[in-house]
Amino acid sequence: MRVIKRTSRDIPLHPDAVFSIISNFERTFRLNPHWIIKNFQPKKLTDAETGGAMSFDLEDYGSGMSFSVVASFERVEKPYKIQIDYSGWNKCLTSFFIGEIDNGSRLTVEETYTENEPDENFEWHNTQLTYWVRSISAYLGLCSRSGLRARANKFFMDRFWIPATPSGRRISIILLKISIVELVIIIAIIVMWSIFSGK
């Protein structure tokens, strides 16, 4: 077995809140910026469920590989731990460890692979895990904030950004940048017109 691990920055949320947010497995998997998740089952998980099963289709946008994933999960409180066991995949385990620190939490994610996983794939596995933990941490940080702007950002993330595919997110960013450039050009034209028409 080979294990890779990444730890988040400090998160200003109580471990109970982090535990609950991570337990939304569909959203947690979709927070990986390189994964396309389809046909996720079950759709909902109650707080009372400490174990169960899930399945989904996964396409790794970075490597181009696709998998039909079947997994079981176990949730343990105090110490806070969520463990996901996979079948039929060289990745056999993902574990979330939520540690309590002063004024918040710290999240560690471990992924365990079988010996059959080729060595050349681990550079990519390390890269995608780094981005996944970073993305989860950013979302948890957003959940920790209050105010109208934070609620609006979270609504946008939940309704539009997280459900989108990686390619869809990239297209959105490109279109946003183009719109910003167009807006700047329009403002510049208006300013120049105002300057020269006033002479």
N, C-alpha and C. Protein backbone atom coordinates (compact mmCIF):
# COMPACT_ATOMS: atom_id res chain seq x y z
N MET A 1 0.83 -1.19 0.00
CA MET A 1 0.00 0.00 0.00
C MET A 1 0.88 1.26 0.00
N ARG A 2 0.43 2.28 -0.71
CA ARG A 2 1.13 3.56 -0.71
C ARG A 2 0.17 4.65 -0.29
N VAL A 3 0.60 5.51 0.60
CA VAL A 3 -0.26 6.54 1.17
C VAL A 3 0.31 7.92 0.82
N ILE A 4 -0.55 8.82 0.36
CA ILE A 4 -0.19 10.22 0.19
C ILE A 4 -1.10 11.04 1.08
N LYS A 5 -0.60 12.18 1.54
CA LYS A 5 -1.34 12.93 2.56
C LYS A 5 -1.15 14.42 2.36
N ARG A 6 -2.21 15.19 2.60
CA ARG A 6 -2.14 16.64 2.57
C ARG A 6 -2.94 17.19 3.75
N THR A 7 -2.43 18.26 4.36
CA THR A 7 -3.10 18.90 5.49
C THR A 7 -3.49 20.32 5.11
N SER A 8 -4.68 20.71 5.52
CA SER A 8 -5.20 22.04 5.18
C SER A 8 -4.56 23.10 6.07
N ARG A 9 -4.77 24.34 5.70
CA ARG A 9 -4.48 25.43 6.61
C ARG A 9 -5.54 25.42 7.72
N ASP A 10 -5.33 26.24 8.74
CA ASP A 10 -6.29 26.31 9.84
C ASP A 10 -7.64 26.81 9.33
N ILE A 11 -8.72 26.16 9.79
CA ILE A 11 -10.08 26.49 9.35
C ILE A 11 -10.85 27.04 10.55
N PRO A 12 -11.41 28.24 10.46
CA PRO A 12 -12.12 28.84 11.60
C PRO A 12 -13.53 28.28 11.79
N LEU A 13 -13.63 26.97 11.84
CA LEU A 13 -14.92 26.30 12.07
C LEU A 13 -14.71 25.20 13.11
N HIS A 14 -15.73 24.97 13.94
CA HIS A 14 -15.66 23.88 14.91
C HIS A 14 -15.63 22.55 14.16
N PRO A 15 -14.94 21.54 14.69
CA PRO A 15 -14.89 20.23 14.01
C PRO A 15 -16.27 19.64 13.71
N ASP A 16 -17.26 19.91 14.56
CA ASP A 16 -18.62 19.42 14.27
C ASP A 16 -19.11 19.93 12.92
N ALA A 17 -18.88 21.23 12.66
CA ALA A 17 -19.33 21.83 11.40
C ALA A 17 -18.55 21.27 10.22
N VAL A 18 -17.23 21.12 10.38
CA VAL A 18 -16.41 20.55 9.31
C VAL A 18 -16.84 19.12 9.01
N PHE A 19 -17.06 18.35 10.04
CA PHE A 19 -17.50 16.96 9.91
C PHE A 19 -18.81 16.88 9.11
N SER A 20 -19.75 17.76 9.43
CA SER A 20 -21.04 17.76 8.74
C SER A 20 -20.89 18.17 7.28
N ILE A 21 -20.07 19.18 7.01
CA ILE A 21 -19.90 19.66 5.63
C ILE A 21 -19.20 18.61 4.78
N ILE A 22 -18.15 18.00 5.30
CA ILE A 22 -17.43 16.96 4.55
C ILE A 22 -18.33 15.77 4.27
N SER A 23 -19.30 15.52 5.16
CA SER A 23 -20.19 14.36 5.01
C SER A 23 -21.15 14.49 3.84
N ASN A 24 -21.24 15.67 3.24
CA ASN A 24 -21.96 15.79 1.98
C ASN A 24 -21.00 15.31 0.89
N PHE A 25 -20.98 14.01 0.66
CA PHE A 25 -19.93 13.40 -0.16
C PHE A 25 -19.97 13.85 -1.61
N GLU A 26 -21.16 14.02 -2.16
CA GLU A 26 -21.22 14.45 -3.56
C GLU A 26 -20.55 15.81 -3.71
N ARG A 27 -20.89 16.74 -2.83
CA ARG A 27 -20.27 18.07 -2.89
C ARG A 27 -18.76 17.98 -2.64
N THR A 28 -18.36 17.16 -1.67
CA THR A 28 -16.94 17.03 -1.35
C THR A 28 -16.14 16.51 -2.54
N PHE A 29 -16.68 15.51 -3.24
CA PHE A 29 -15.99 15.00 -4.42
C PHE A 29 -15.99 16.04 -5.55
N ARG A 30 -17.09 16.76 -5.69
CA ARG A 30 -17.15 17.79 -6.74
C ARG A 30 -16.20 18.95 -6.46
N LEU A 31 -15.80 19.13 -5.21
CA LEU A 31 -14.85 20.19 -4.89
C LEU A 31 -13.46 19.89 -5.43
N ASN A 32 -13.21 18.65 -5.83
CA ASN A 32 -11.95 18.35 -6.50
C ASN A 32 -11.99 19.02 -7.88
N PRO A 33 -11.13 20.00 -8.14
CA PRO A 33 -11.24 20.77 -9.39
C PRO A 33 -10.91 19.98 -10.65
N HIS A 34 -10.43 18.74 -10.50
CA HIS A 34 -10.07 17.93 -11.67
C HIS A 34 -11.06 16.81 -11.96
N TRP A 35 -12.09 16.70 -11.15
CA TRP A 35 -13.01 15.57 -11.30
C TRP A 35 -14.36 16.00 -11.83
N ILE A 36 -14.90 15.17 -12.71
CA ILE A 36 -16.28 15.29 -13.17
C ILE A 36 -17.06 14.15 -12.53
N ILE A 37 -18.08 14.48 -11.75
CA ILE A 37 -18.86 13.49 -11.01
C ILE A 37 -20.25 13.39 -11.63
N LYS A 38 -20.68 12.16 -11.94
CA LYS A 38 -22.01 11.94 -12.50
C LYS A 38 -22.69 10.77 -11.79
N ASN A 39 -24.03 10.81 -11.83
CA ASN A 39 -24.85 9.69 -11.33
C ASN A 39 -24.52 9.31 -9.89
N PHE A 40 -24.38 10.32 -9.04
CA PHE A 40 -24.03 10.06 -7.64
C PHE A 40 -25.23 9.52 -6.87
N GLN A 41 -25.03 8.44 -6.15
CA GLN A 41 -26.05 7.84 -5.30
C GLN A 41 -25.43 7.45 -3.95
N PRO A 42 -26.11 7.61 -2.82
CA PRO A 42 -27.43 8.22 -2.67
C PRO A 42 -27.33 9.75 -2.72
N LYS A 43 -28.44 10.39 -2.96
CA LYS A 43 -28.44 11.84 -3.09
C LYS A 43 -28.30 12.54 -1.75
N LYS A 44 -28.86 11.97 -0.70
CA LYS A 44 -28.84 12.63 0.60
C LYS A 44 -28.35 11.67 1.68
N LEU A 45 -27.77 12.25 2.71
CA LEU A 45 -27.26 11.48 3.84
C LEU A 45 -27.69 12.19 5.12
N THR A 46 -28.30 11.46 6.02
CA THR A 46 -28.72 12.08 7.28
C THR A 46 -27.57 12.07 8.28
N ASP A 47 -27.64 12.99 9.25
CA ASP A 47 -26.59 13.08 10.26
C ASP A 47 -26.50 11.82 11.11
N ALA A 48 -27.60 11.04 11.16
CA ALA A 48 -27.63 9.84 12.01
C ALA A 48 -26.88 8.67 11.38
N GLU A 49 -26.63 8.72 10.09
CA GLU A 49 -26.00 7.60 9.40
C GLU A 49 -24.49 7.60 9.66
N THR A 50 -23.99 6.55 10.26
CA THR A 50 -22.56 6.43 10.53
C THR A 50 -21.84 5.60 9.49
N GLY A 51 -22.59 4.94 8.63
CA GLY A 51 -21.98 4.13 7.58
C GLY A 51 -22.98 3.86 6.48
N GLY A 52 -22.46 3.43 5.34
CA GLY A 52 -23.35 3.14 4.22
C GLY A 52 -22.55 2.96 2.95
N ALA A 53 -23.24 3.07 1.81
CA ALA A 53 -22.60 2.85 0.52
C ALA A 53 -22.93 4.01 -0.42
N MET A 54 -22.08 4.17 -1.43
CA MET A 54 -22.31 5.18 -2.45
C MET A 54 -21.73 4.68 -3.76
N SER A 55 -22.19 5.28 -4.84
CA SER A 55 -21.65 4.94 -6.16
C SER A 55 -21.74 6.18 -7.04
N PHE A 56 -20.83 6.28 -8.00
CA PHE A 56 -20.84 7.40 -8.93
C PHE A 56 -19.87 7.12 -10.06
N ASP A 57 -20.05 7.85 -11.15
CA ASP A 57 -19.11 7.80 -12.27
C ASP A 57 -18.17 8.98 -12.15
N LEU A 58 -16.88 8.71 -12.29
CA LEU A 58 -15.86 9.74 -12.11
C LEU A 58 -14.99 9.80 -13.36
N GLU A 59 -14.79 11.02 -13.85
CA GLU A 59 -13.83 11.26 -14.93
C GLU A 59 -12.79 12.25 -14.42
N ASP A 60 -11.54 11.84 -14.48
CA ASP A 60 -10.44 12.71 -14.07
C ASP A 60 -10.07 13.60 -15.26
N TYR A 61 -10.41 14.88 -15.14
CA TYR A 61 -10.21 15.81 -16.26
C TYR A 61 -8.73 15.98 -16.58
N GLY A 62 -7.87 15.84 -15.57
CA GLY A 62 -6.44 16.03 -15.79
C GLY A 62 -5.79 14.87 -16.51
N SER A 63 -6.13 13.65 -16.10
CA SER A 63 -5.49 12.47 -16.69
C SER A 63 -6.30 11.87 -17.82
N GLY A 64 -7.58 12.21 -17.92
CA GLY A 64 -8.45 11.65 -18.95
C GLY A 64 -8.98 10.28 -18.62
N MET A 65 -8.71 9.78 -17.42
CA MET A 65 -9.16 8.45 -17.02
C MET A 65 -10.57 8.52 -16.44
N SER A 66 -11.35 7.44 -16.65
CA SER A 66 -12.73 7.36 -16.15
C SER A 66 -12.91 6.10 -15.31
N PHE A 67 -13.77 6.21 -14.30
CA PHE A 67 -14.00 5.09 -13.39
C PHE A 67 -15.48 5.05 -13.02
N SER A 68 -16.00 3.85 -12.83
CA SER A 68 -17.29 3.66 -12.17
C SER A 68 -16.97 3.25 -10.73
N VAL A 69 -17.26 4.14 -9.81
CA VAL A 69 -16.79 3.98 -8.43
C VAL A 69 -17.91 3.42 -7.55
N VAL A 70 -17.59 2.38 -6.81
CA VAL A 70 -18.47 1.85 -5.77
C VAL A 70 -17.69 1.93 -4.47
N ALA A 71 -18.31 2.49 -3.44
CA ALA A 71 -17.57 2.71 -2.20
C ALA A 71 -18.48 2.55 -1.00
N SER A 72 -17.87 2.28 0.14
CA SER A 72 -18.57 2.29 1.42
C SER A 72 -17.92 3.35 2.29
N PHE A 73 -18.66 3.86 3.26
CA PHE A 73 -18.10 4.90 4.11
C PHE A 73 -18.40 4.60 5.58
N GLU A 74 -17.56 5.16 6.41
CA GLU A 74 -17.75 5.06 7.86
C GLU A 74 -17.44 6.42 8.46
N ARG A 75 -18.32 6.89 9.33
CA ARG A 75 -18.11 8.18 9.99
C ARG A 75 -17.97 7.95 11.50
N VAL A 76 -16.92 8.50 12.05
CA VAL A 76 -16.66 8.34 13.48
C VAL A 76 -16.51 9.72 14.10
N GLU A 77 -17.22 9.98 15.17
CA GLU A 77 -17.11 11.25 15.87
C GLU A 77 -16.19 11.10 17.09
N LYS A 78 -15.36 12.10 17.26
CA LYS A 78 -14.52 12.24 18.47
C LYS A 78 -13.68 11.00 18.75
N PRO A 79 -12.54 10.84 18.10
CA PRO A 79 -11.96 11.78 17.14
C PRO A 79 -12.69 11.75 15.80
N TYR A 80 -12.74 12.91 15.16
CA TYR A 80 -13.53 13.04 13.95
C TYR A 80 -12.78 12.41 12.77
N LYS A 81 -13.43 11.42 12.17
CA LYS A 81 -12.80 10.71 11.06
C LYS A 81 -13.88 10.22 10.10
N ILE A 82 -13.63 10.39 8.83
CA ILE A 82 -14.50 9.85 7.79
C ILE A 82 -13.62 9.01 6.87
N GLN A 83 -14.01 7.78 6.68
CA GLN A 83 -13.22 6.86 5.87
C GLN A 83 -14.06 6.32 4.72
N ILE A 84 -13.53 6.39 3.51
CA ILE A 84 -14.24 5.91 2.33
C ILE A 84 -13.41 4.80 1.69
N ASP A 85 -13.99 3.61 1.62
CA ASP A 85 -13.32 2.44 1.03
C ASP A 85 -13.87 2.20 -0.37
N TYR A 86 -12.96 2.06 -1.34
CA TYR A 86 -13.36 1.83 -2.73
C TYR A 86 -13.16 0.37 -3.12
N SER A 87 -13.94 -0.07 -4.10
CA SER A 87 -13.75 -1.40 -4.66
C SER A 87 -13.58 -1.27 -6.17
N GLY A 88 -12.76 -2.16 -6.75
CA GLY A 88 -12.54 -2.16 -8.18
C GLY A 88 -11.73 -0.98 -8.68
N TRP A 89 -10.83 -0.46 -7.84
CA TRP A 89 -10.06 0.72 -8.19
C TRP A 89 -8.71 0.61 -7.50
N ASN A 90 -7.65 1.11 -8.14
CA ASN A 90 -6.34 1.08 -7.49
C ASN A 90 -6.25 2.03 -6.30
N LYS A 91 -7.11 3.03 -6.28
CA LYS A 91 -7.24 3.82 -5.05
C LYS A 91 -8.18 3.03 -4.15
N CYS A 92 -7.71 2.64 -2.98
CA CYS A 92 -8.55 1.78 -2.14
C CYS A 92 -9.15 2.51 -0.94
N LEU A 93 -8.64 3.72 -0.62
CA LEU A 93 -9.12 4.36 0.61
C LEU A 93 -8.87 5.87 0.56
N THR A 94 -9.87 6.64 0.99
CA THR A 94 -9.69 8.06 1.27
C THR A 94 -10.14 8.30 2.70
N SER A 95 -9.29 8.95 3.49
CA SER A 95 -9.60 9.21 4.90
C SER A 95 -9.52 10.70 5.17
N PHE A 96 -10.52 11.21 5.87
CA PHE A 96 -10.55 12.60 6.31
C PHE A 96 -10.39 12.62 7.83
N PHE A 97 -9.36 13.29 8.31
CA PHE A 97 -9.13 13.44 9.74
C PHE A 97 -9.33 14.91 10.10
N ILE A 98 -10.20 15.16 11.05
CA ILE A 98 -10.53 16.54 11.43
C ILE A 98 -10.03 16.77 12.85
N GLY A 99 -8.97 17.53 12.98
CA GLY A 99 -8.39 17.80 14.28
C GLY A 99 -8.86 19.13 14.84
N GLU A 100 -9.07 19.18 16.14
CA GLU A 100 -9.50 20.42 16.79
C GLU A 100 -8.28 21.22 17.22
N ILE A 101 -8.26 22.49 16.89
CA ILE A 101 -7.19 23.39 17.29
C ILE A 101 -7.83 24.62 17.94
N ASP A 102 -7.01 25.54 18.42
CA ASP A 102 -7.55 26.76 19.00
C ASP A 102 -8.35 27.53 17.96
N ASN A 103 -9.60 27.82 18.28
CA ASN A 103 -10.48 28.62 17.42
C ASN A 103 -10.76 27.98 16.06
N GLY A 104 -10.75 26.65 16.00
CA GLY A 104 -11.10 26.05 14.72
C GLY A 104 -10.67 24.61 14.56
N SER A 105 -10.37 24.26 13.30
CA SER A 105 -10.07 22.88 12.94
C SER A 105 -8.92 22.84 11.95
N ARG A 106 -8.39 21.64 11.80
CA ARG A 106 -7.40 21.39 10.76
C ARG A 106 -7.75 20.06 10.11
N LEU A 107 -7.82 20.07 8.79
CA LEU A 107 -8.24 18.90 8.03
C LEU A 107 -7.04 18.23 7.38
N THR A 108 -6.93 16.91 7.55
CA THR A 108 -5.92 16.12 6.86
C THR A 108 -6.61 15.07 6.01
N VAL A 109 -6.20 14.98 4.77
CA VAL A 109 -6.78 13.99 3.84
C VAL A 109 -5.69 13.02 3.42
N GLU A 110 -5.94 11.74 3.60
CA GLU A 110 -5.01 10.69 3.18
C GLU A 110 -5.66 9.85 2.09
N GLU A 111 -4.88 9.49 1.09
CA GLU A 111 -5.36 8.58 0.04
C GLU A 111 -4.40 7.40 -0.02
N THR A 112 -4.98 6.21 -0.03
CA THR A 112 -4.21 4.97 -0.04
C THR A 112 -4.43 4.24 -1.36
N TYR A 113 -3.34 3.83 -1.99
CA TYR A 113 -3.39 3.13 -3.27
C TYR A 113 -2.80 1.73 -3.12
N THR A 114 -3.25 0.83 -3.96
CA THR A 114 -2.69 -0.53 -3.97
C THR A 114 -1.31 -0.50 -4.64
N GLU A 115 -0.59 -1.60 -4.47
CA GLU A 115 0.73 -1.71 -5.09
C GLU A 115 0.64 -1.80 -6.61
N ASN A 116 -0.56 -2.04 -7.13
CA ASN A 116 -0.73 -2.14 -8.58
C ASN A 116 -0.71 -0.78 -9.28
N GLU A 117 -0.83 0.29 -8.51
CA GLU A 117 -0.85 1.61 -9.13
C GLU A 117 0.56 1.95 -9.63
N PRO A 118 0.69 2.29 -10.92
CA PRO A 118 2.02 2.59 -11.48
C PRO A 118 2.68 3.79 -10.79
N ASP A 119 3.99 3.70 -10.60
CA ASP A 119 4.73 4.77 -9.92
C ASP A 119 4.60 6.11 -10.64
N GLU A 120 4.54 6.06 -11.96
CA GLU A 120 4.50 7.32 -12.72
C GLU A 120 3.21 8.11 -12.50
N ASN A 121 2.18 7.46 -11.93
CA ASN A 121 0.91 8.16 -11.69
C ASN A 121 0.92 8.99 -10.41
N PHE A 122 1.90 8.76 -9.54
CA PHE A 122 1.83 9.40 -8.23
C PHE A 122 2.15 10.88 -8.26
N GLU A 123 2.88 11.33 -9.24
CA GLU A 123 3.08 12.77 -9.36
C GLU A 123 1.74 13.47 -9.56
N TRP A 124 0.91 12.88 -10.43
CA TRP A 124 -0.42 13.46 -10.67
C TRP A 124 -1.31 13.30 -9.44
N HIS A 125 -1.26 12.15 -8.78
CA HIS A 125 -2.08 11.96 -7.58
C HIS A 125 -1.75 13.00 -6.51
N ASN A 126 -0.46 13.27 -6.32
CA ASN A 126 -0.05 14.28 -5.36
C ASN A 126 -0.55 15.67 -5.76
N THR A 127 -0.50 15.95 -7.05
CA THR A 127 -0.96 17.26 -7.53
C THR A 127 -2.45 17.44 -7.31
N GLN A 128 -3.24 16.42 -7.71
CA GLN A 128 -4.69 16.57 -7.60
C GLN A 128 -5.12 16.59 -6.13
N LEU A 129 -4.43 15.86 -5.26
CA LEU A 129 -4.79 15.88 -3.84
C LEU A 129 -4.50 17.26 -3.23
N THR A 130 -3.38 17.86 -3.63
CA THR A 130 -3.05 19.21 -3.16
C THR A 130 -4.16 20.19 -3.51
N TYR A 131 -4.62 20.15 -4.76
CA TYR A 131 -5.67 21.07 -5.20
C TYR A 131 -7.01 20.74 -4.55
N TRP A 132 -7.26 19.47 -4.33
CA TRP A 132 -8.53 19.07 -3.70
C TRP A 132 -8.60 19.60 -2.27
N VAL A 133 -7.56 19.39 -1.49
CA VAL A 133 -7.55 19.87 -0.11
C VAL A 133 -7.63 21.39 -0.08
N ARG A 134 -6.95 22.04 -1.01
CA ARG A 134 -7.01 23.51 -1.08
C ARG A 134 -8.42 23.98 -1.39
N SER A 135 -9.10 23.28 -2.29
CA SER A 135 -10.47 23.64 -2.66
C SER A 135 -11.44 23.41 -1.51
N ILE A 136 -11.30 22.26 -0.81
CA ILE A 136 -12.14 22.00 0.35
C ILE A 136 -11.92 23.06 1.43
N SER A 137 -10.66 23.40 1.67
CA SER A 137 -10.34 24.40 2.69
C SER A 137 -10.96 25.75 2.34
N ALA A 138 -10.90 26.14 1.07
CA ALA A 138 -11.48 27.41 0.65
C ALA A 138 -12.99 27.41 0.86
N TYR A 139 -13.64 26.28 0.55
CA TYR A 139 -15.09 26.20 0.75
C TYR A 139 -15.43 26.26 2.24
N LEU A 140 -14.68 25.56 3.07
CA LEU A 140 -14.92 25.61 4.52
C LEU A 140 -14.70 27.01 5.05
N GLY A 141 -13.69 27.70 4.52
CA GLY A 141 -13.46 29.08 4.92
C GLY A 141 -14.64 29.97 4.55
N LEU A 142 -15.22 29.73 3.37
CA LEU A 142 -16.39 30.49 2.96
C LEU A 142 -17.57 30.22 3.90
N CYS A 143 -17.73 28.95 4.30
CA CYS A 143 -18.82 28.59 5.21
C CYS A 143 -18.65 29.23 6.59
N SER A 144 -17.42 29.58 6.93
CA SER A 144 -17.17 30.15 8.26
C SER A 144 -17.52 31.64 8.32
N ARG A 145 -17.67 32.27 7.18
CA ARG A 145 -17.91 33.71 7.16
C ARG A 145 -19.40 34.01 7.18
N SER A 146 -19.75 35.16 7.72
CA SER A 146 -21.14 35.61 7.75
C SER A 146 -21.26 36.90 6.94
N GLY A 147 -22.47 37.36 6.79
CA GLY A 147 -22.68 38.57 6.02
C GLY A 147 -23.28 38.28 4.66
N LEU A 148 -23.84 39.32 4.06
CA LEU A 148 -24.55 39.18 2.79
C LEU A 148 -23.62 38.72 1.67
N ARG A 149 -22.41 39.28 1.61
CA ARG A 149 -21.48 38.91 0.54
C ARG A 149 -21.10 37.44 0.63
N ALA A 150 -20.83 36.96 1.86
CA ALA A 150 -20.46 35.55 2.04
C ALA A 150 -21.61 34.63 1.65
N ARG A 151 -22.84 35.01 2.04
CA ARG A 151 -23.99 34.18 1.68
C ARG A 151 -24.21 34.15 0.18
N ALA A 152 -24.00 35.29 -0.47
CA ALA A 152 -24.16 35.35 -1.93
C ALA A 152 -23.10 34.48 -2.61
N ASN A 153 -21.86 34.55 -2.12
CA ASN A 153 -20.78 33.74 -2.70
C ASN A 153 -21.05 32.24 -2.51
N LYS A 154 -21.55 31.88 -1.33
CA LYS A 154 -21.84 30.47 -1.07
C LYS A 154 -23.00 29.99 -1.95
N PHE A 155 -24.01 30.84 -2.14
CA PHE A 155 -25.13 30.48 -3.02
C PHE A 155 -24.61 30.23 -4.44
N PHE A 156 -23.74 31.11 -4.92
CA PHE A 156 -23.18 30.96 -6.26
C PHE A 156 -22.37 29.66 -6.36
N MET A 157 -21.56 29.38 -5.33
CA MET A 157 -20.75 28.15 -5.33
C MET A 157 -21.63 26.91 -5.36
N ASP A 158 -22.65 26.87 -4.49
CA ASP A 158 -23.49 25.68 -4.36
C ASP A 158 -24.36 25.45 -5.60
N ARG A 159 -24.88 26.53 -6.16
CA ARG A 159 -25.84 26.38 -7.26
C ARG A 159 -25.19 26.29 -8.63
N PHE A 160 -24.05 26.95 -8.82
CA PHE A 160 -23.49 27.06 -10.16
C PHE A 160 -22.06 26.50 -10.28
N TRP A 161 -21.16 26.93 -9.39
CA TRP A 161 -19.75 26.60 -9.57
C TRP A 161 -19.45 25.13 -9.30
N ILE A 162 -19.89 24.62 -8.14
CA ILE A 162 -19.58 23.24 -7.77
C ILE A 162 -20.22 22.23 -8.73
N PRO A 163 -21.49 22.40 -9.14
CA PRO A 163 -22.06 21.43 -10.09
C PRO A 163 -21.44 21.46 -11.47
N ALA A 164 -20.74 22.55 -11.83
CA ALA A 164 -20.16 22.67 -13.17
C ALA A 164 -18.98 21.72 -13.33
N THR A 165 -18.69 21.36 -14.57
CA THR A 165 -17.53 20.53 -14.88
C THR A 165 -16.27 21.41 -14.89
N PRO A 166 -15.08 20.82 -14.77
CA PRO A 166 -13.85 21.63 -14.85
C PRO A 166 -13.76 22.46 -16.12
N SER A 167 -14.15 21.87 -17.25
CA SER A 167 -14.10 22.63 -18.51
C SER A 167 -15.11 23.77 -18.49
N GLY A 168 -16.29 23.53 -17.90
CA GLY A 168 -17.29 24.57 -17.78
C GLY A 168 -16.81 25.73 -16.93
N ARG A 169 -16.09 25.41 -15.85
CA ARG A 169 -15.53 26.46 -14.99
C ARG A 169 -14.50 27.28 -15.74
N ARG A 170 -13.65 26.61 -16.52
CA ARG A 170 -12.63 27.33 -17.28
C ARG A 170 -13.27 28.25 -18.31
N ILE A 171 -14.31 27.77 -18.99
CA ILE A 171 -15.01 28.59 -19.97
C ILE A 171 -15.62 29.80 -19.28
N SER A 172 -16.21 29.60 -18.10
CA SER A 172 -16.82 30.70 -17.36
C SER A 172 -15.77 31.76 -17.00
N ILE A 173 -14.58 31.30 -16.58
CA ILE A 173 -13.52 32.24 -16.22
C ILE A 173 -13.07 33.03 -17.45
N ILE A 174 -12.94 32.35 -18.60
CA ILE A 174 -12.54 33.03 -19.83
C ILE A 174 -13.57 34.07 -20.23
N LEU A 175 -14.86 33.70 -20.18
CA LEU A 175 -15.92 34.64 -20.53
C LEU A 175 -15.94 35.83 -19.58
N LEU A 176 -15.70 35.56 -18.29
CA LEU A 176 -15.67 36.65 -17.31
C LEU A 176 -14.53 37.61 -17.61
N LYS A 177 -13.35 37.07 -17.95
CA LYS A 177 -12.22 37.92 -18.28
C LYS A 177 -12.49 38.75 -19.53
N ILE A 178 -13.12 38.12 -20.53
CA ILE A 178 -13.47 38.86 -21.75
C ILE A 178 -14.44 39.99 -21.44
N SER A 179 -15.44 39.69 -20.58
CA SER A 179 -16.43 40.71 -20.21
C SER A 179 -15.77 41.87 -19.48
N ILE A 180 -14.80 41.56 -18.61
CA ILE A 180 -14.10 42.61 -17.88
C ILE A 180 -13.31 43.50 -18.84
N VAL A 181 -12.62 42.86 -19.81
CA VAL A 181 -11.85 43.62 -20.81
C VAL A 181 -12.79 44.51 -21.62
N GLU A 182 -13.93 43.95 -22.04
CA GLU A 182 -14.90 44.75 -22.81
C GLU A 182 -15.40 45.93 -22.00
N LEU A 183 -15.66 45.71 -20.71
CA LEU A 183 -16.14 46.78 -19.85
C LEU A 183 -15.09 47.88 -19.71
N VAL A 184 -13.82 47.48 -19.54
CA VAL A 184 -12.74 48.45 -19.44
C VAL A 184 -12.62 49.27 -20.71
N ILE A 185 -12.73 48.59 -21.86
CA ILE A 185 -12.64 49.29 -23.15
C ILE A 185 -13.78 50.29 -23.29
N ILE A 186 -14.99 49.88 -22.93
CA ILE A 186 -16.15 50.77 -23.04
C ILE A 186 -15.97 51.99 -22.15
N ILE A 187 -15.51 51.76 -20.91
CA ILE A 187 -15.29 52.88 -19.99
C ILE A 187 -14.22 53.82 -20.54
N ALA A 188 -13.14 53.24 -21.11
CA ALA A 188 -12.07 54.07 -21.67
C ALA A 188 -12.58 54.91 -22.83
N ILE A 189 -13.42 54.31 -23.68
CA ILE A 189 -13.99 55.04 -24.81
C ILE A 189 -14.86 56.19 -24.31
N ILE A 190 -15.68 55.91 -23.30
CA ILE A 190 -16.55 56.95 -22.76
C ILE A 190 -15.74 58.09 -22.16
N VAL A 191 -14.68 57.73 -21.41
CA VAL A 191 -13.83 58.76 -20.80
C VAL A 191 -13.13 59.60 -21.87
N MET A 192 -12.57 58.93 -22.89
CA MET A 192 -11.90 59.65 -23.96
C MET A 192 -12.87 60.55 -24.72
N TRP A 193 -14.06 60.03 -24.96
CA TRP A 193 -15.06 60.83 -25.67
C TRP A 193 -15.44 62.05 -24.86
N SER A 194 -15.56 61.88 -23.53
CA SER A 194 -15.92 63.00 -22.66
C SER A 194 -14.81 64.04 -22.65
N ILE A 195 -13.54 63.59 -22.66
CA ILE A 195 -12.41 64.51 -22.63
C ILE A 195 -12.34 65.32 -23.93
N PHE A 196 -12.41 64.62 -25.06
CA PHE A 196 -12.22 65.31 -26.34
C PHE A 196 -13.47 66.08 -26.79
N SER A 197 -14.65 65.60 -26.39
CA SER A 197 -15.87 66.34 -26.78
C SER A 197 -16.02 67.60 -25.96
N GLY A 198 -15.33 67.68 -24.81
CA GLY A 198 -15.44 68.86 -23.96
C GLY A 198 -14.51 69.98 -24.39
N LYS A 199 -13.61 69.68 -25.32
CA LYS A 199 -12.65 70.72 -25.77
C LYS A 199 -13.31 71.65 -26.79
